């Protein structure tokens, strides 16, 4: 697996970069980090009690955010551009307990049709059991637009 560098993690971005999903500067955020594994992208996340819905269960909106954030990074890494969520369909397969420990989020591109990328992502507990999955459509921009409007730094910024 290859560790993906977060190019916005530098201290000079501290005041402008506050993404709930991936900014290390957002104290209440998820602070996700990413790895590339073949055609998949992976994130690992340690749940915390402050993000539960029903007692002891990770809130469904947080689960959806984990899936959506990974899909956004898949567009940046695998498509070498930026995009925005056009559609997301989440299936919650069973309640995901906070006590399950570290969560793994895995996803990949299924197809690219004109300006929409179809992406599948899943959440797994520390034993590899799947708890939620999502089918997402991501509208993706030409790289020049991604750089100008969305601060996309270019694919080389994500690797050492």
N, C-alpha and C. Protein backbone atom coordinates (compact mmCIF):
# COMPACT_ATOMS: atom_id res chain seq x y z
N UNK A 1 0.84 -1.18 0.00
CA UNK A 1 0.00 0.00 0.00
C UNK A 1 0.88 1.24 0.00
N UNK A 2 0.41 2.26 -0.68
CA UNK A 2 1.13 3.52 -0.79
C UNK A 2 0.38 4.60 -0.01
N UNK A 3 1.09 5.25 0.91
CA UNK A 3 0.49 6.35 1.68
C UNK A 3 0.28 7.55 0.78
N UNK A 4 -0.91 8.12 0.81
CA UNK A 4 -1.23 9.32 0.05
C UNK A 4 -0.93 10.53 0.93
N UNK A 5 -0.20 11.47 0.39
CA UNK A 5 0.11 12.70 1.10
C UNK A 5 -1.07 13.66 0.99
N UNK A 6 -1.39 14.29 2.10
CA UNK A 6 -2.41 15.34 2.08
C UNK A 6 -1.69 16.67 1.84
N UNK A 7 -1.76 17.21 0.61
CA UNK A 7 -0.98 18.41 0.30
C UNK A 7 -1.47 19.68 1.00
N UNK A 8 -2.64 19.63 1.59
CA UNK A 8 -3.17 20.80 2.30
C UNK A 8 -2.84 20.76 3.80
N UNK A 9 -2.08 19.76 4.21
CA UNK A 9 -1.76 19.54 5.61
C UNK A 9 -0.66 20.48 6.12
N UNK A 10 -0.02 21.18 5.24
CA UNK A 10 1.06 22.09 5.61
C UNK A 10 0.52 23.22 6.51
N UNK A 11 1.32 23.67 7.45
CA UNK A 11 0.86 24.71 8.39
C UNK A 11 0.36 26.00 7.73
N UNK A 12 0.88 26.34 6.54
CA UNK A 12 0.42 27.57 5.89
C UNK A 12 -1.02 27.49 5.39
N UNK A 13 -1.62 26.27 5.41
CA UNK A 13 -3.03 26.10 5.02
C UNK A 13 -3.96 26.04 6.24
N UNK A 14 -3.40 26.12 7.42
CA UNK A 14 -4.16 25.93 8.66
C UNK A 14 -5.44 26.77 8.72
N UNK A 15 -5.40 28.01 8.27
CA UNK A 15 -6.55 28.90 8.43
C UNK A 15 -7.57 28.79 7.29
N UNK A 16 -7.22 28.16 6.20
CA UNK A 16 -8.15 28.07 5.07
C UNK A 16 -8.68 26.65 4.82
N UNK A 17 -8.02 25.65 5.38
CA UNK A 17 -8.36 24.24 5.12
C UNK A 17 -9.02 23.64 6.35
N UNK A 18 -10.33 23.42 6.28
CA UNK A 18 -11.08 22.97 7.44
C UNK A 18 -12.03 21.83 7.10
N UNK A 19 -11.73 21.04 6.08
CA UNK A 19 -12.62 19.96 5.65
C UNK A 19 -12.98 19.05 6.83
N UNK A 20 -14.27 18.80 7.02
CA UNK A 20 -14.73 17.92 8.09
C UNK A 20 -14.18 16.52 7.91
N UNK A 21 -14.02 16.06 6.68
CA UNK A 21 -13.57 14.70 6.42
C UNK A 21 -12.08 14.48 6.57
N UNK A 22 -11.26 15.42 6.08
CA UNK A 22 -9.83 15.11 5.99
C UNK A 22 -8.88 16.15 6.56
N UNK A 23 -9.34 17.27 7.02
CA UNK A 23 -8.41 18.26 7.56
C UNK A 23 -7.91 17.86 8.95
N UNK A 24 -6.59 17.81 9.14
CA UNK A 24 -6.07 17.55 10.48
C UNK A 24 -6.26 18.74 11.41
N UNK A 25 -6.67 19.88 10.85
CA UNK A 25 -6.86 21.10 11.64
C UNK A 25 -8.28 21.22 12.20
N UNK A 26 -9.21 20.39 11.71
CA UNK A 26 -10.59 20.45 12.18
C UNK A 26 -10.73 19.55 13.40
N UNK A 27 -10.79 20.16 14.57
CA UNK A 27 -10.79 19.41 15.83
C UNK A 27 -11.98 18.46 15.98
N UNK A 28 -13.12 18.80 15.39
CA UNK A 28 -14.28 17.92 15.52
C UNK A 28 -14.46 17.03 14.29
N UNK A 29 -13.60 17.17 13.30
CA UNK A 29 -13.71 16.41 12.06
C UNK A 29 -13.18 14.99 12.18
N UNK A 30 -13.23 14.27 11.05
CA UNK A 30 -12.83 12.88 11.00
C UNK A 30 -11.32 12.70 10.83
N UNK A 31 -10.65 13.70 10.27
CA UNK A 31 -9.20 13.71 10.09
C UNK A 31 -8.68 12.46 9.38
N UNK A 32 -9.34 12.08 8.30
CA UNK A 32 -8.98 10.88 7.56
C UNK A 32 -7.64 11.01 6.85
N UNK A 33 -6.96 9.88 6.75
CA UNK A 33 -5.75 9.73 5.96
C UNK A 33 -6.01 8.59 4.98
N UNK A 34 -5.25 8.55 3.89
CA UNK A 34 -5.57 7.65 2.79
C UNK A 34 -4.36 6.86 2.30
N UNK A 35 -4.64 5.66 1.78
CA UNK A 35 -3.63 4.79 1.19
C UNK A 35 -4.17 4.26 -0.13
N UNK A 36 -3.29 4.05 -1.06
CA UNK A 36 -3.64 3.47 -2.35
C UNK A 36 -3.23 2.00 -2.34
N UNK A 37 -4.16 1.15 -2.76
CA UNK A 37 -3.92 -0.29 -2.81
C UNK A 37 -4.43 -0.80 -4.15
N UNK A 38 -3.57 -0.80 -5.17
CA UNK A 38 -3.99 -1.20 -6.51
C UNK A 38 -5.03 -0.23 -7.04
N UNK A 39 -6.18 -0.75 -7.46
CA UNK A 39 -7.23 0.13 -8.00
C UNK A 39 -8.12 0.71 -6.90
N UNK A 40 -7.86 0.38 -5.65
CA UNK A 40 -8.67 0.88 -4.54
C UNK A 40 -7.95 1.98 -3.76
N UNK A 41 -8.75 2.79 -3.09
CA UNK A 41 -8.25 3.74 -2.11
C UNK A 41 -8.82 3.29 -0.76
N UNK A 42 -8.05 3.48 0.29
CA UNK A 42 -8.42 3.01 1.62
C UNK A 42 -8.22 4.13 2.63
N UNK A 43 -9.12 4.22 3.60
CA UNK A 43 -8.95 5.09 4.76
C UNK A 43 -9.21 4.24 5.99
N UNK A 44 -8.50 4.55 7.06
CA UNK A 44 -8.73 3.90 8.35
C UNK A 44 -9.16 4.99 9.32
N UNK A 45 -10.10 4.65 10.18
CA UNK A 45 -10.64 5.65 11.09
C UNK A 45 -11.01 5.02 12.41
N UNK A 46 -10.68 5.71 13.49
CA UNK A 46 -11.01 5.26 14.84
C UNK A 46 -12.25 6.02 15.31
N UNK A 47 -13.38 5.34 15.48
CA UNK A 47 -14.60 6.04 15.91
C UNK A 47 -14.47 6.56 17.34
N UNK A 48 -15.26 7.60 17.62
CA UNK A 48 -15.28 8.15 18.96
C UNK A 48 -16.74 8.38 19.39
N UNK A 49 -16.94 8.32 20.67
CA UNK A 49 -18.28 8.39 21.25
C UNK A 49 -19.04 9.64 20.85
N UNK A 50 -18.35 10.74 20.62
CA UNK A 50 -19.02 11.99 20.27
C UNK A 50 -19.70 11.93 18.91
N UNK A 51 -19.46 10.87 18.14
CA UNK A 51 -20.05 10.75 16.80
C UNK A 51 -21.05 9.59 16.71
N UNK A 52 -21.61 9.23 17.85
CA UNK A 52 -22.60 8.16 17.81
C UNK A 52 -23.99 8.73 17.52
N UNK A 53 -24.86 7.88 17.00
CA UNK A 53 -26.27 8.21 16.81
C UNK A 53 -27.01 7.59 17.98
N UNK A 54 -27.56 6.40 17.74
CA UNK A 54 -28.16 5.66 18.84
C UNK A 54 -27.04 5.21 19.76
N UNK A 55 -27.35 4.91 21.00
CA UNK A 55 -26.33 4.57 21.99
C UNK A 55 -25.38 3.48 21.47
N UNK A 56 -24.11 3.84 21.39
CA UNK A 56 -23.07 2.90 21.00
C UNK A 56 -22.94 2.64 19.51
N UNK A 57 -23.76 3.29 18.69
CA UNK A 57 -23.75 3.07 17.24
C UNK A 57 -23.25 4.32 16.53
N UNK A 58 -22.35 4.14 15.59
CA UNK A 58 -21.84 5.27 14.82
C UNK A 58 -22.98 5.87 14.01
N UNK A 59 -23.18 7.16 14.11
CA UNK A 59 -24.26 7.87 13.43
C UNK A 59 -24.24 7.57 11.94
N UNK A 60 -25.41 7.35 11.36
CA UNK A 60 -25.51 7.06 9.93
C UNK A 60 -24.97 8.16 9.05
N UNK A 61 -25.13 9.41 9.47
CA UNK A 61 -24.59 10.52 8.70
C UNK A 61 -23.06 10.52 8.70
N UNK A 62 -22.46 10.10 9.80
CA UNK A 62 -21.00 9.99 9.86
C UNK A 62 -20.55 8.86 8.95
N UNK A 63 -21.28 7.76 8.95
CA UNK A 63 -20.93 6.65 8.04
C UNK A 63 -21.00 7.13 6.59
N UNK A 64 -22.05 7.86 6.24
CA UNK A 64 -22.19 8.39 4.88
C UNK A 64 -21.05 9.35 4.56
N UNK A 65 -20.65 10.16 5.52
CA UNK A 65 -19.54 11.10 5.31
C UNK A 65 -18.25 10.35 5.03
N UNK A 66 -17.99 9.29 5.77
CA UNK A 66 -16.79 8.48 5.53
C UNK A 66 -16.77 7.96 4.09
N UNK A 67 -17.90 7.45 3.63
CA UNK A 67 -18.01 6.90 2.27
C UNK A 67 -17.84 8.00 1.22
N UNK A 68 -18.48 9.13 1.44
CA UNK A 68 -18.42 10.24 0.49
C UNK A 68 -17.02 10.86 0.43
N UNK A 69 -16.38 11.01 1.57
CA UNK A 69 -15.03 11.59 1.60
C UNK A 69 -14.05 10.71 0.84
N UNK A 70 -14.14 9.40 1.04
CA UNK A 70 -13.26 8.50 0.31
C UNK A 70 -13.49 8.64 -1.20
N UNK A 71 -14.74 8.73 -1.61
CA UNK A 71 -15.05 8.86 -3.04
C UNK A 71 -14.42 10.13 -3.62
N UNK A 72 -14.47 11.22 -2.88
CA UNK A 72 -13.86 12.46 -3.34
C UNK A 72 -12.36 12.32 -3.54
N UNK A 73 -11.70 11.61 -2.64
CA UNK A 73 -10.27 11.38 -2.77
C UNK A 73 -9.98 10.40 -3.91
N UNK A 74 -10.88 9.47 -4.16
CA UNK A 74 -10.70 8.57 -5.31
C UNK A 74 -10.66 9.38 -6.59
N UNK A 75 -11.54 10.37 -6.72
CA UNK A 75 -11.54 11.23 -7.91
C UNK A 75 -10.19 11.96 -8.02
N UNK A 76 -9.71 12.50 -6.90
CA UNK A 76 -8.45 13.26 -6.95
C UNK A 76 -7.26 12.36 -7.30
N UNK A 77 -7.21 11.16 -6.76
CA UNK A 77 -6.06 10.28 -6.96
C UNK A 77 -6.18 9.48 -8.26
N UNK A 78 -7.28 8.83 -8.46
CA UNK A 78 -7.42 7.92 -9.60
C UNK A 78 -7.76 8.64 -10.91
N UNK A 79 -8.47 9.78 -10.82
CA UNK A 79 -8.85 10.51 -12.03
C UNK A 79 -7.97 11.74 -12.25
N UNK A 80 -7.15 12.06 -11.23
CA UNK A 80 -6.21 13.18 -11.32
C UNK A 80 -6.91 14.52 -11.56
N UNK A 81 -7.99 14.72 -10.83
CA UNK A 81 -8.75 15.97 -10.92
C UNK A 81 -9.60 16.10 -9.65
N UNK A 82 -10.50 17.06 -9.62
CA UNK A 82 -11.42 17.22 -8.50
C UNK A 82 -12.85 17.05 -9.00
N UNK A 83 -13.75 16.80 -8.06
CA UNK A 83 -15.15 16.64 -8.43
C UNK A 83 -16.04 16.92 -7.24
N UNK A 84 -17.33 16.81 -7.47
CA UNK A 84 -18.33 16.99 -6.42
C UNK A 84 -19.35 15.86 -6.51
N UNK A 85 -19.95 15.54 -5.38
CA UNK A 85 -20.95 14.48 -5.34
C UNK A 85 -22.18 14.90 -6.13
N UNK A 86 -22.59 14.07 -7.06
CA UNK A 86 -23.82 14.30 -7.82
C UNK A 86 -24.97 13.47 -7.22
N UNK A 87 -24.63 12.27 -6.76
CA UNK A 87 -25.65 11.38 -6.20
C UNK A 87 -24.96 10.35 -5.32
N UNK A 88 -25.67 9.97 -4.24
CA UNK A 88 -25.11 8.99 -3.32
C UNK A 88 -26.24 8.13 -2.78
N UNK A 89 -26.08 6.82 -2.89
CA UNK A 89 -27.07 5.89 -2.37
C UNK A 89 -26.36 4.99 -1.36
N UNK A 90 -26.73 5.12 -0.08
CA UNK A 90 -26.08 4.35 0.98
C UNK A 90 -27.00 3.22 1.42
N UNK A 91 -26.41 2.05 1.59
CA UNK A 91 -27.12 0.91 2.17
C UNK A 91 -26.45 0.61 3.51
N UNK A 92 -27.24 0.71 4.57
CA UNK A 92 -26.75 0.38 5.90
C UNK A 92 -27.10 -1.09 6.14
N UNK A 93 -26.10 -1.94 6.18
CA UNK A 93 -26.32 -3.37 6.23
C UNK A 93 -26.62 -3.87 7.64
N UNK A 94 -26.03 -3.20 8.64
CA UNK A 94 -26.28 -3.52 10.05
C UNK A 94 -25.72 -2.38 10.89
N UNK A 95 -26.19 -2.22 12.13
CA UNK A 95 -25.68 -1.14 12.98
C UNK A 95 -24.18 -1.33 13.24
N UNK A 96 -23.43 -0.25 13.09
CA UNK A 96 -21.98 -0.29 13.28
C UNK A 96 -21.64 0.25 14.66
N UNK A 97 -21.26 -0.64 15.54
CA UNK A 97 -20.97 -0.29 16.93
C UNK A 97 -19.63 0.43 17.06
N UNK A 98 -19.60 1.44 17.89
CA UNK A 98 -18.37 2.15 18.20
C UNK A 98 -17.36 1.20 18.83
N UNK A 99 -17.83 0.22 19.56
CA UNK A 99 -16.94 -0.72 20.24
C UNK A 99 -16.21 -1.66 19.28
N UNK A 100 -16.58 -1.64 18.01
CA UNK A 100 -15.90 -2.49 17.01
C UNK A 100 -14.47 -2.02 16.75
N UNK A 101 -14.13 -0.82 17.17
CA UNK A 101 -12.77 -0.32 16.98
C UNK A 101 -12.57 0.28 15.60
N UNK A 102 -11.34 0.19 15.11
CA UNK A 102 -10.96 0.85 13.86
C UNK A 102 -11.84 0.41 12.68
N UNK A 103 -12.26 1.41 11.90
CA UNK A 103 -13.10 1.20 10.72
C UNK A 103 -12.20 1.37 9.49
N UNK A 104 -12.40 0.50 8.51
CA UNK A 104 -11.71 0.63 7.22
C UNK A 104 -12.73 1.00 6.17
N UNK A 105 -12.41 2.01 5.38
CA UNK A 105 -13.26 2.44 4.27
C UNK A 105 -12.48 2.11 2.99
N UNK A 106 -13.12 1.37 2.08
CA UNK A 106 -12.48 0.97 0.82
C UNK A 106 -13.38 1.38 -0.33
N UNK A 107 -12.76 1.79 -1.44
CA UNK A 107 -13.56 2.15 -2.60
C UNK A 107 -12.76 2.17 -3.88
N UNK A 108 -13.52 2.18 -4.99
CA UNK A 108 -12.88 2.22 -6.31
C UNK A 108 -13.86 2.74 -7.35
N UNK A 109 -13.29 3.13 -8.47
CA UNK A 109 -14.09 3.57 -9.61
C UNK A 109 -14.65 2.34 -10.30
N UNK A 110 -15.93 2.40 -10.62
CA UNK A 110 -16.58 1.32 -11.35
C UNK A 110 -16.65 1.65 -12.84
N UNK A 111 -16.97 2.91 -13.15
CA UNK A 111 -17.03 3.32 -14.55
C UNK A 111 -16.95 4.84 -14.64
N UNK A 112 -16.61 5.31 -15.82
CA UNK A 112 -16.62 6.74 -16.09
C UNK A 112 -17.47 6.94 -17.33
N UNK A 113 -18.53 7.73 -17.18
CA UNK A 113 -19.48 7.99 -18.27
C UNK A 113 -19.58 9.49 -18.47
N UNK A 114 -18.99 9.98 -19.52
CA UNK A 114 -18.95 11.42 -19.80
C UNK A 114 -18.36 12.15 -18.60
N UNK A 115 -19.14 13.00 -17.94
CA UNK A 115 -18.62 13.80 -16.82
C UNK A 115 -18.94 13.21 -15.45
N UNK A 116 -19.47 11.96 -15.42
CA UNK A 116 -19.79 11.31 -14.15
C UNK A 116 -18.95 10.07 -13.94
N UNK A 117 -18.34 9.99 -12.78
CA UNK A 117 -17.63 8.77 -12.38
C UNK A 117 -18.54 8.00 -11.43
N UNK A 118 -18.69 6.71 -11.67
CA UNK A 118 -19.45 5.83 -10.78
C UNK A 118 -18.45 5.17 -9.84
N UNK A 119 -18.69 5.32 -8.54
CA UNK A 119 -17.76 4.86 -7.52
C UNK A 119 -18.50 4.01 -6.50
N UNK A 120 -17.86 2.94 -6.04
CA UNK A 120 -18.41 2.12 -4.97
C UNK A 120 -17.47 2.18 -3.77
N UNK A 121 -18.05 2.37 -2.59
CA UNK A 121 -17.28 2.41 -1.35
C UNK A 121 -17.99 1.58 -0.29
N UNK A 122 -17.21 1.00 0.64
CA UNK A 122 -17.76 0.19 1.72
C UNK A 122 -17.04 0.48 3.03
N UNK A 123 -17.77 0.27 4.14
CA UNK A 123 -17.22 0.38 5.50
C UNK A 123 -17.10 -1.02 6.10
N UNK A 124 -15.94 -1.29 6.70
CA UNK A 124 -15.69 -2.58 7.32
C UNK A 124 -15.22 -2.39 8.75
N UNK A 125 -15.58 -3.34 9.63
CA UNK A 125 -15.05 -3.29 10.99
C UNK A 125 -13.65 -3.89 10.99
N UNK A 126 -13.07 -3.99 12.18
CA UNK A 126 -11.69 -4.47 12.28
C UNK A 126 -11.55 -5.97 12.02
N UNK A 127 -12.66 -6.67 11.86
CA UNK A 127 -12.64 -8.09 11.50
C UNK A 127 -12.95 -8.32 10.03
N UNK A 128 -13.16 -7.23 9.27
CA UNK A 128 -13.43 -7.35 7.84
C UNK A 128 -14.89 -7.54 7.48
N UNK A 129 -15.79 -7.35 8.45
CA UNK A 129 -17.23 -7.47 8.19
C UNK A 129 -17.73 -6.15 7.60
N UNK A 130 -18.50 -6.23 6.51
CA UNK A 130 -19.03 -5.04 5.85
C UNK A 130 -20.29 -4.57 6.57
N UNK A 131 -20.36 -3.24 6.88
CA UNK A 131 -21.49 -2.67 7.60
C UNK A 131 -22.31 -1.69 6.78
N UNK A 132 -21.69 -1.04 5.82
CA UNK A 132 -22.41 -0.09 4.98
C UNK A 132 -21.69 -0.01 3.64
N UNK A 133 -22.45 0.32 2.60
CA UNK A 133 -21.84 0.51 1.29
C UNK A 133 -22.60 1.61 0.55
N UNK A 134 -21.91 2.21 -0.39
CA UNK A 134 -22.52 3.30 -1.14
C UNK A 134 -22.14 3.20 -2.61
N UNK A 135 -23.10 3.56 -3.43
CA UNK A 135 -22.86 3.80 -4.85
C UNK A 135 -22.95 5.30 -5.04
N UNK A 136 -21.91 5.88 -5.59
CA UNK A 136 -21.85 7.32 -5.75
C UNK A 136 -21.62 7.68 -7.20
N UNK A 137 -22.19 8.80 -7.60
CA UNK A 137 -21.87 9.42 -8.88
C UNK A 137 -21.17 10.72 -8.54
N UNK A 138 -20.00 10.90 -9.12
CA UNK A 138 -19.21 12.12 -8.90
C UNK A 138 -19.06 12.86 -10.21
N UNK A 139 -19.47 14.13 -10.20
CA UNK A 139 -19.24 15.01 -11.34
C UNK A 139 -17.79 15.43 -11.25
N UNK A 140 -17.02 15.20 -12.32
CA UNK A 140 -15.60 15.56 -12.30
C UNK A 140 -15.31 16.65 -13.31
N UNK A 141 -14.36 17.49 -12.95
CA UNK A 141 -13.99 18.65 -13.74
C UNK A 141 -12.73 18.38 -14.55
N UNK A 142 -12.54 19.09 -15.66
CA UNK A 142 -11.24 19.04 -16.32
C UNK A 142 -10.18 19.53 -15.32
N UNK A 143 -8.97 19.01 -15.42
CA UNK A 143 -7.93 19.34 -14.45
C UNK A 143 -7.69 20.85 -14.34
N UNK A 144 -7.72 21.56 -15.44
CA UNK A 144 -7.47 23.01 -15.39
C UNK A 144 -8.54 23.72 -14.55
N UNK A 145 -9.80 23.28 -14.65
CA UNK A 145 -10.88 23.85 -13.84
C UNK A 145 -10.69 23.45 -12.37
N UNK A 146 -10.32 22.19 -12.14
CA UNK A 146 -10.09 21.72 -10.77
C UNK A 146 -8.99 22.53 -10.09
N UNK A 147 -7.95 22.86 -10.84
CA UNK A 147 -6.85 23.66 -10.28
C UNK A 147 -7.30 25.09 -10.00
N UNK A 148 -8.03 25.68 -10.92
CA UNK A 148 -8.43 27.09 -10.80
C UNK A 148 -9.53 27.30 -9.75
N UNK A 149 -10.52 26.42 -9.69
CA UNK A 149 -11.68 26.64 -8.83
C UNK A 149 -11.66 25.86 -7.52
N UNK A 150 -10.95 24.73 -7.49
CA UNK A 150 -11.04 23.84 -6.33
C UNK A 150 -9.69 23.57 -5.67
N UNK A 151 -8.68 24.35 -6.03
CA UNK A 151 -7.35 24.24 -5.41
C UNK A 151 -6.72 22.86 -5.58
N UNK A 152 -7.09 22.16 -6.66
CA UNK A 152 -6.48 20.86 -6.93
C UNK A 152 -5.00 21.10 -7.25
N UNK A 153 -4.09 20.43 -6.51
CA UNK A 153 -2.66 20.75 -6.65
C UNK A 153 -1.93 19.98 -7.75
N UNK A 154 -2.62 19.06 -8.42
CA UNK A 154 -1.95 18.18 -9.39
C UNK A 154 -1.58 16.87 -8.71
N UNK A 155 -1.60 15.80 -9.46
CA UNK A 155 -1.42 14.46 -8.90
C UNK A 155 -0.07 14.29 -8.20
N UNK A 156 0.96 14.97 -8.68
CA UNK A 156 2.30 14.81 -8.09
C UNK A 156 2.35 15.25 -6.62
N UNK A 157 1.44 16.10 -6.20
CA UNK A 157 1.44 16.60 -4.82
C UNK A 157 1.02 15.54 -3.81
N UNK A 158 0.43 14.44 -4.27
CA UNK A 158 -0.08 13.40 -3.37
C UNK A 158 0.92 12.29 -3.07
N UNK A 159 2.07 12.33 -3.74
CA UNK A 159 3.07 11.26 -3.60
C UNK A 159 4.44 11.84 -3.26
N UNK A 160 5.25 11.03 -2.53
CA UNK A 160 6.61 11.46 -2.23
C UNK A 160 7.50 11.21 -3.43
